[in-house]
């Protein structure tokens, strides 16, 4: 008789990062699984980002070759995570040095708070009503003329701290080093996931049933100008679209007409598979480790 034991790995992400290490560990210890920090833990922003990169490049059959064949990805999900800039991966017999950074406070929902904090006075030109985030209410009064795209964009630029001191040669926003280039730079912003995909599908400039679609930052701008002008019953649409456009163009320096693939799933073989970090975590766990030989 054989007894087979399967290993279980559980990872918490931004929700547990947000509440702090002590409370997160208490929650994990109270789970029905036997708790061991090697099996069940809270991912750092770096780990979550690198797992997403692994998953996407695996599904696109980009791993195992040269850096220049891989693609970069921007994930606009949940907000919290402090991370170093570079992490190492060994996949399909190839060493990869990844630039990964998790921007604290600039996720899809947390960014709204930063934008409201950046406004000058009680009036917001981005939003039509107050905003509640993690139980805390952020007051905002709509301008008499409603949301205004150009003024909203100014508030967002202020929130992104585009002119923050840069200690490195080149920065994106909030004083964060941009990675410095490298062999994978040409495809650095080739893909975008999560919030970018869902917002584009929500406002209708891509098919919500499509697993992926190409778009440009300029399409976000056009949709933002329309949403702000219409002052719809969706109170955050103007803000979110303007934020995503400003983030891409001013924050990351993406050309407004650059084609980016907004992706939820990737066809791999006969199946469409979600391009998400859990897949990357599984791939890394199952990948052979690099052997170091003594000389």
Protein backbone atom coordinates (compact mmCIF):
# COMPACT_ATOMS: atom_id res chain seq x y z
CA UNK A 1 0.00 0.00 0.00
CA UNK A 2 1.23 3.47 -0.85
CA UNK A 3 0.28 6.63 1.02
CA UNK A 4 0.66 9.75 -1.06
CA UNK A 5 0.86 13.12 0.62
CA UNK A 6 0.20 16.29 -1.32
CA UNK A 7 1.90 19.51 -0.33
CA UNK A 8 -0.38 22.49 0.20
CA UNK A 9 0.87 26.05 -0.12
CA UNK A 10 -1.29 28.98 0.92
CA UNK A 11 -0.40 32.60 0.28
CA UNK A 12 -2.07 35.74 1.58
CA UNK A 13 -1.73 38.96 -0.39
CA UNK A 14 -2.53 42.65 0.05
CA UNK A 15 -5.52 42.20 2.33
CA UNK A 16 -3.30 40.56 4.94
CA UNK A 17 -0.36 42.87 4.24
CA UNK A 18 -2.65 45.77 5.02
CA UNK A 19 -3.50 44.64 8.56
CA UNK A 20 0.10 44.08 9.64
CA UNK A 21 2.30 41.06 10.29
CA UNK A 22 1.01 40.22 13.77
CA UNK A 23 -2.69 40.14 12.92
CA UNK A 24 -2.03 38.38 9.64
CA UNK A 25 -0.08 35.62 11.40
CA UNK A 26 -2.90 35.19 13.93
CA UNK A 27 -5.38 34.68 11.10
CA UNK A 28 -3.13 32.17 9.36
CA UNK A 29 -2.51 30.24 12.60
CA UNK A 30 -6.29 30.04 13.15
CA UNK A 31 -6.86 28.41 9.76
CA UNK A 32 -7.89 24.76 9.54
CA UNK A 33 -4.58 23.88 7.91
CA UNK A 34 -1.52 22.92 9.90
CA UNK A 35 0.32 26.21 10.07
CA UNK A 36 3.92 26.38 8.97
CA UNK A 37 5.39 29.63 7.70
CA UNK A 38 7.13 27.72 4.90
CA UNK A 39 3.78 26.53 3.55
CA UNK A 40 1.32 29.26 4.52
CA UNK A 41 2.45 32.87 4.53
CA UNK A 42 1.81 36.40 3.38
CA UNK A 43 3.44 37.32 0.09
CA UNK A 44 5.44 40.48 -0.27
CA UNK A 45 4.61 42.81 -3.12
CA UNK A 46 7.79 41.64 -4.86
CA UNK A 47 6.77 37.98 -4.67
CA UNK A 48 3.27 38.66 -5.95
CA UNK A 49 4.60 40.72 -8.84
CA UNK A 50 7.27 38.21 -9.82
CA UNK A 51 4.76 35.34 -9.74
CA UNK A 52 2.51 37.28 -12.13
CA UNK A 53 5.46 37.83 -14.47
CA UNK A 54 6.30 34.12 -14.35
CA UNK A 55 2.68 33.13 -15.05
CA UNK A 56 2.24 35.45 -18.01
CA UNK A 57 5.55 34.61 -19.65
CA UNK A 58 4.95 30.89 -19.10
CA UNK A 59 1.54 31.08 -20.79
CA UNK A 60 3.08 33.01 -23.69
CA UNK A 61 5.91 30.43 -24.01
CA UNK A 62 8.51 33.12 -23.40
CA UNK A 63 10.54 31.39 -20.67
CA UNK A 64 13.82 29.62 -21.30
CA UNK A 65 15.05 32.05 -23.93
CA UNK A 66 16.70 35.44 -24.00
CA UNK A 67 15.57 38.34 -21.85
CA UNK A 68 14.54 40.26 -24.95
CA UNK A 69 11.86 37.66 -25.69
CA UNK A 70 10.08 38.14 -22.39
CA UNK A 71 7.34 40.69 -21.74
CA UNK A 72 6.76 43.08 -18.88
CA UNK A 73 3.42 43.53 -17.17
CA UNK A 74 1.68 46.22 -15.12
CA UNK A 75 -0.80 44.89 -12.58
CA UNK A 76 -3.30 47.37 -11.19
CA UNK A 77 -4.79 45.40 -8.36
CA UNK A 78 -4.89 45.95 -4.65
CA UNK A 79 -2.61 48.48 -3.09
CA UNK A 80 -0.25 47.60 -0.34
CA UNK A 81 3.27 46.28 -0.55
CA UNK A 82 6.79 47.43 0.11
CA UNK A 83 9.38 45.78 -2.05
CA UNK A 84 12.95 45.88 -3.23
CA UNK A 85 13.57 46.42 -6.91
CA UNK A 86 15.26 43.25 -8.15
CA UNK A 87 14.47 39.60 -7.62
CA UNK A 88 16.01 36.52 -9.18
CA UNK A 89 14.27 33.60 -10.89
CA UNK A 90 15.65 30.40 -12.37
CA UNK A 91 13.19 29.00 -14.91
CA UNK A 92 13.61 26.47 -17.71
CA UNK A 93 17.36 26.47 -17.27
CA UNK A 94 17.68 30.25 -17.51
CA UNK A 95 18.57 32.89 -14.91
CA UNK A 96 16.34 35.97 -14.86
CA UNK A 97 16.90 39.18 -12.93
CA UNK A 98 13.48 40.80 -12.61
CA UNK A 99 12.71 44.40 -11.86
CA UNK A 100 9.65 44.33 -9.61
CA UNK A 101 8.18 47.14 -7.58
CA UNK A 102 4.91 47.30 -5.68
CA UNK A 103 3.76 50.90 -5.42
CA UNK A 104 2.38 51.48 -1.96
CA UNK A 105 -0.95 53.39 -1.97
CA UNK A 106 -1.35 53.42 -5.76
CA UNK A 107 -3.52 50.36 -6.38
CA UNK A 108 -6.90 50.63 -8.08
CA UNK A 109 -8.85 51.51 -4.93
CA UNK A 110 -6.20 53.03 -2.66
CA UNK A 111 -5.24 55.52 -5.35
CA UNK A 112 -8.65 57.17 -4.98
CA UNK A 113 -7.68 58.09 -1.43
CA UNK A 114 -4.39 59.64 -2.58
CA UNK A 115 -6.21 61.64 -5.24
CA UNK A 116 -8.74 62.99 -2.75
CA UNK A 117 -5.94 63.90 -0.35
CA UNK A 118 -4.17 65.80 -3.14
CA UNK A 119 -7.12 68.04 -4.00
CA UNK A 120 -6.95 71.71 -3.06
CA UNK A 121 -9.79 72.29 -0.60
CA UNK A 122 -13.06 70.37 -0.21
CA UNK A 123 -13.98 70.28 -3.91
CA UNK A 124 -12.91 67.41 -6.12
CA UNK A 125 -12.98 67.67 -9.90
CA UNK A 126 -12.68 63.89 -10.20
CA UNK A 127 -15.47 62.51 -8.08
CA UNK A 128 -19.15 63.11 -7.55
CA UNK A 129 -19.49 61.98 -3.95
CA UNK A 130 -17.55 61.00 -0.84
CA UNK A 131 -15.50 57.82 -0.80
CA UNK A 132 -15.20 55.11 1.84
CA UNK A 133 -12.14 52.88 1.93
CA UNK A 134 -11.42 50.24 4.58
CA UNK A 135 -14.06 51.76 6.84
CA UNK A 136 -12.64 55.28 6.67
CA UNK A 137 -14.65 57.98 4.94
CA UNK A 138 -12.99 60.58 2.72
CA UNK A 139 -15.10 63.66 2.16
CA UNK A 140 -15.33 65.31 -1.22
CA UNK A 141 -17.78 67.83 -2.60
CA UNK A 142 -18.46 67.82 -6.31
CA UNK A 143 -17.69 71.04 -8.15
CA UNK A 144 -20.77 72.98 -9.35
CA UNK A 145 -19.90 72.02 -12.93
CA UNK A 146 -19.35 68.39 -11.93
CA UNK A 147 -16.29 66.36 -12.86
CA UNK A 148 -13.81 68.16 -15.14
CA UNK A 149 -11.22 66.05 -16.98
CA UNK A 150 -8.35 68.57 -17.18
CA UNK A 151 -8.66 69.64 -13.55
CA UNK A 152 -9.08 66.04 -12.43
CA UNK A 153 -5.86 65.18 -14.25
CA UNK A 154 -4.06 67.95 -12.37
CA UNK A 155 -5.22 66.48 -9.04
CA UNK A 156 -4.04 63.03 -10.10
CA UNK A 157 -0.65 64.31 -11.24
CA UNK A 158 -0.26 65.87 -7.81
CA UNK A 159 -1.22 62.59 -6.12
CA UNK A 160 1.35 60.67 -8.19
CA UNK A 161 4.11 63.03 -7.02
CA UNK A 162 5.58 63.20 -10.49
CA UNK A 163 8.17 65.75 -9.39
CA UNK A 164 9.32 63.90 -6.28
CA UNK A 165 13.11 63.84 -5.79
CA UNK A 166 14.72 60.96 -7.71
CA UNK A 167 17.80 59.45 -6.07
CA UNK A 168 18.42 57.20 -9.08
CA UNK A 169 19.21 58.21 -12.65
CA UNK A 170 15.62 57.79 -13.82
CA UNK A 171 12.38 57.43 -11.88
CA UNK A 172 8.75 56.71 -12.65
CA UNK A 173 6.76 58.59 -10.00
CA UNK A 174 6.91 59.16 -6.24
CA UNK A 175 10.70 58.98 -6.48
CA UNK A 176 10.76 55.30 -7.52
CA UNK A 177 13.61 53.99 -9.69
CA UNK A 178 12.36 52.84 -13.08
CA UNK A 179 14.56 49.78 -13.40
CA UNK A 180 17.26 51.28 -15.57
CA UNK A 181 16.53 49.47 -18.82
CA UNK A 182 18.02 46.16 -19.91
CA UNK A 183 17.35 43.50 -22.50
CA UNK A 184 13.65 43.27 -21.67
CA UNK A 185 13.05 47.03 -21.81
CA UNK A 186 11.43 47.06 -25.27
CA UNK A 187 8.58 44.90 -24.03
CA UNK A 188 8.45 46.45 -20.57
CA UNK A 189 4.86 47.66 -20.72
CA UNK A 190 3.51 45.20 -23.26
CA UNK A 191 0.78 43.80 -21.00
CA UNK A 192 -1.55 45.14 -18.33
CA UNK A 193 -3.85 43.11 -16.09
CA UNK A 194 -6.46 43.37 -13.35
CA UNK A 195 -7.78 46.91 -12.98
CA UNK A 196 -6.79 47.98 -16.49
CA UNK A 197 -8.61 45.03 -18.06
CA UNK A 198 -11.70 45.28 -15.85
CA UNK A 199 -12.15 49.04 -16.28
CA UNK A 200 -11.78 48.84 -20.07
CA UNK A 201 -14.36 46.05 -20.16
CA UNK A 202 -16.64 47.96 -17.79
CA UNK A 203 -16.76 51.15 -19.84
CA UNK A 204 -17.06 49.25 -23.10
CA UNK A 205 -14.00 49.94 -25.22
CA UNK A 206 -13.20 46.24 -25.12
CA UNK A 207 -15.45 43.18 -25.13
CA UNK A 208 -16.04 42.09 -21.54
CA UNK A 209 -16.20 38.45 -22.69
CA UNK A 210 -12.86 38.57 -24.49
CA UNK A 211 -9.90 37.02 -22.64
CA UNK A 212 -7.69 39.87 -23.85
CA UNK A 213 -7.70 42.86 -26.16
CA UNK A 214 -5.29 45.47 -27.44
CA UNK A 215 -5.73 49.05 -26.35
CA UNK A 216 -3.76 52.28 -26.11
CA UNK A 217 -3.50 54.81 -23.28
CA UNK A 218 -5.22 57.25 -25.65
CA UNK A 219 -8.33 55.05 -25.49
CA UNK A 220 -8.40 55.49 -21.72
CA UNK A 221 -8.09 59.25 -22.22
CA UNK A 222 -10.99 59.39 -24.69
CA UNK A 223 -13.16 57.33 -22.36
CA UNK A 224 -12.15 59.53 -19.41
CA UNK A 225 -13.04 62.76 -21.19
CA UNK A 226 -16.44 61.34 -22.07
CA UNK A 227 -17.12 60.00 -18.56
CA UNK A 228 -16.15 63.29 -16.91
CA UNK A 229 -18.30 65.27 -19.34
CA UNK A 230 -21.37 63.07 -18.86
CA UNK A 231 -21.20 63.09 -15.03
CA UNK A 232 -22.86 59.67 -14.92
CA UNK A 233 -24.34 57.89 -11.93
CA UNK A 234 -21.09 55.89 -11.68
CA UNK A 235 -19.28 58.19 -9.26
CA UNK A 236 -15.70 56.98 -9.77
CA UNK A 237 -15.54 56.35 -13.52
CA UNK A 238 -14.10 59.76 -14.42
CA UNK A 239 -11.48 59.47 -11.70
CA UNK A 240 -10.50 55.87 -12.45
CA UNK A 241 -10.13 56.34 -16.21
CA UNK A 242 -8.20 59.60 -15.82
CA UNK A 243 -5.98 57.95 -13.20
CA UNK A 244 -5.15 54.99 -15.42
CA UNK A 245 -4.31 57.22 -18.37
CA UNK A 246 -2.15 59.53 -16.24
CA UNK A 247 -0.46 56.58 -14.54
CA UNK A 248 0.50 55.00 -17.86
CA UNK A 249 1.57 58.16 -19.71
CA UNK A 250 2.98 60.41 -17.01
CA UNK A 251 3.83 57.83 -14.35
CA UNK A 252 5.41 55.11 -16.49
CA UNK A 253 6.20 57.16 -19.59
CA UNK A 254 4.17 55.00 -21.99
CA UNK A 255 3.46 56.71 -25.31
CA UNK A 256 -0.28 57.51 -25.65
CA UNK A 257 -0.47 55.49 -28.88
CA UNK A 258 1.52 52.46 -27.71
CA UNK A 259 -0.51 49.28 -28.07
CA UNK A 260 -0.83 47.36 -24.81
CA UNK A 261 -2.51 44.00 -24.38
CA UNK A 262 -5.10 44.11 -21.60
CA UNK A 263 -5.27 40.54 -20.42
CA UNK A 264 -7.31 38.33 -18.13
CA UNK A 265 -6.64 34.93 -19.72
CA UNK A 266 -4.12 33.59 -22.22
CA UNK A 267 -4.65 30.71 -24.62
CA UNK A 268 -2.13 28.01 -23.79
CA UNK A 269 -2.56 24.89 -25.87
CA UNK A 270 -6.28 24.20 -26.10
CA UNK A 271 -7.29 26.17 -23.02
CA UNK A 272 -7.61 29.74 -21.84
CA UNK A 273 -5.83 30.07 -18.50
CA UNK A 274 -5.94 32.97 -16.07
CA UNK A 275 -2.78 35.08 -16.07
CA UNK A 276 -2.57 35.40 -12.30
CA UNK A 277 0.06 35.13 -9.60
CA UNK A 278 -1.10 31.73 -8.14
CA UNK A 279 -0.10 30.04 -11.38
CA UNK A 280 3.32 31.67 -11.19
CA UNK A 281 3.69 30.51 -7.60
CA UNK A 282 2.92 26.93 -8.62
CA UNK A 283 5.33 27.07 -11.57
CA UNK A 284 8.13 28.35 -9.36
CA UNK A 285 7.43 25.72 -6.68
CA UNK A 286 7.57 22.91 -9.22
CA UNK A 287 10.53 24.20 -11.22
CA UNK A 288 13.90 22.47 -10.74
CA UNK A 289 16.25 24.47 -8.57
CA UNK A 290 19.57 25.61 -9.94
CA UNK A 291 22.41 23.33 -8.95
CA UNK A 292 25.58 24.94 -7.72
CA UNK A 293 28.66 22.86 -8.48
CA UNK A 294 31.86 23.06 -6.52
CA UNK A 295 34.98 23.78 -8.57
